[in-house]
Amino acid sequence: MQVYTYSEARQKLAMVLKEAENKGKVIIRRKDGRTFALIPEKNAVSPLDVPSIKAKITTQEIVDIIREGRER
């Protein structure tokens, strides 16, 4: 895990953010010795969130197809 000084992190912020994204975590150390972890936020996307399709079919036709499938 890479540790950057506060000054380095400030000067190379884009690079530090990219490294945090790639490696999962980057540490930034202040002059007084305190350290802070820079961790990328995870996307809050549901795996059930799928793109929709445009279908020219009525609700009744969908219900009929489902009922037909259940009868088999």
Protein backbone atom coordinates (compact mmCIF):
# COMPACT_ATOMS: atom_id res chain seq x y z
CA MET A 1 0.00 0.00 0.00
CA GLN A 2 1.39 3.36 -1.05
CA VAL A 3 1.87 6.10 1.55
CA TYR A 4 2.02 9.73 0.39
CA THR A 5 2.83 12.85 2.34
CA TYR A 6 0.14 15.49 2.41
CA SER A 7 2.18 17.68 0.05
CA GLU A 8 2.74 14.83 -2.44
CA ALA A 9 -0.94 13.92 -2.41
CA ARG A 10 -1.94 17.52 -2.99
CA GLN A 11 0.51 17.97 -5.88
CA LYS A 12 -0.37 14.65 -7.54
CA LEU A 13 -4.04 14.40 -6.60
CA ALA A 14 -5.22 12.89 -9.91
CA MET A 15 -2.55 10.18 -9.72
CA VAL A 16 -3.32 9.46 -6.04
CA LEU A 17 -7.04 9.12 -6.80
CA LYS A 18 -6.31 6.77 -9.72
CA GLU A 19 -4.07 4.64 -7.52
CA ALA A 20 -6.74 4.47 -4.81
CA GLU A 21 -9.21 3.36 -7.46
CA ASN A 22 -6.85 0.67 -8.79
CA LYS A 23 -5.45 -0.62 -5.49
CA GLY A 24 -8.42 0.04 -3.22
CA LYS A 25 -6.67 2.23 -0.66
CA VAL A 26 -4.00 4.93 -0.35
CA ILE A 27 -2.59 6.37 2.86
CA ILE A 28 -1.84 10.08 3.29
CA ARG A 29 0.47 11.07 6.16
CA ARG A 30 0.54 14.56 7.65
CA LYS A 31 3.62 16.26 9.12
CA ASP A 32 2.39 15.51 12.65
CA GLY A 33 2.33 11.77 11.83
CA ARG A 34 -1.43 11.30 11.62
CA THR A 35 -2.52 9.13 8.72
CA PHE A 36 -5.68 9.10 6.66
CA ALA A 37 -6.95 6.41 4.31
CA LEU A 38 -8.26 7.38 0.91
CA ILE A 39 -10.72 4.68 -0.18
CA PRO A 40 -12.88 4.87 -3.33
CA GLU A 41 -16.63 4.75 -2.82
CA LYS A 42 -18.41 1.74 -4.26
CA ASN A 43 -21.17 2.23 -6.80
CA ALA A 44 -24.61 1.71 -5.35
CA VAL A 45 -25.96 -0.14 -8.37
CA SER A 46 -28.34 -3.01 -7.93
CA PRO A 47 -27.53 -6.21 -9.84
CA LEU A 48 -31.25 -6.33 -10.62
CA ASP A 49 -31.10 -2.96 -12.36
CA VAL A 50 -31.21 -4.11 -15.97
CA PRO A 51 -31.89 -2.01 -19.04
CA SER A 52 -35.42 -2.15 -20.39
CA ILE A 53 -36.45 -2.94 -23.93
CA LYS A 54 -39.13 -1.42 -26.09
CA ALA A 55 -41.65 -4.12 -26.98
CA LYS A 56 -44.88 -3.55 -28.81
CA ILE A 57 -46.87 -5.96 -26.70
CA THR A 58 -49.83 -5.32 -24.45
CA THR A 59 -50.16 -6.28 -20.82
CA GLN A 60 -52.89 -8.75 -21.73
CA GLU A 61 -50.61 -10.48 -24.26
CA ILE A 62 -47.92 -10.84 -21.59
CA VAL A 63 -50.45 -12.32 -19.15
CA ASP A 64 -51.69 -14.75 -21.83
CA ILE A 65 -48.11 -15.89 -22.59
CA ILE A 66 -47.39 -16.48 -18.90
CA ARG A 67 -50.61 -18.45 -18.41
CA GLU A 68 -49.88 -20.53 -21.50
CA GLY A 69 -46.42 -21.34 -20.14
CA ARG A 70 -47.84 -22.38 -16.77
CA GLU A 71 -50.29 -24.78 -18.40
CA ARG A 72 -47.50 -26.79 -20.01
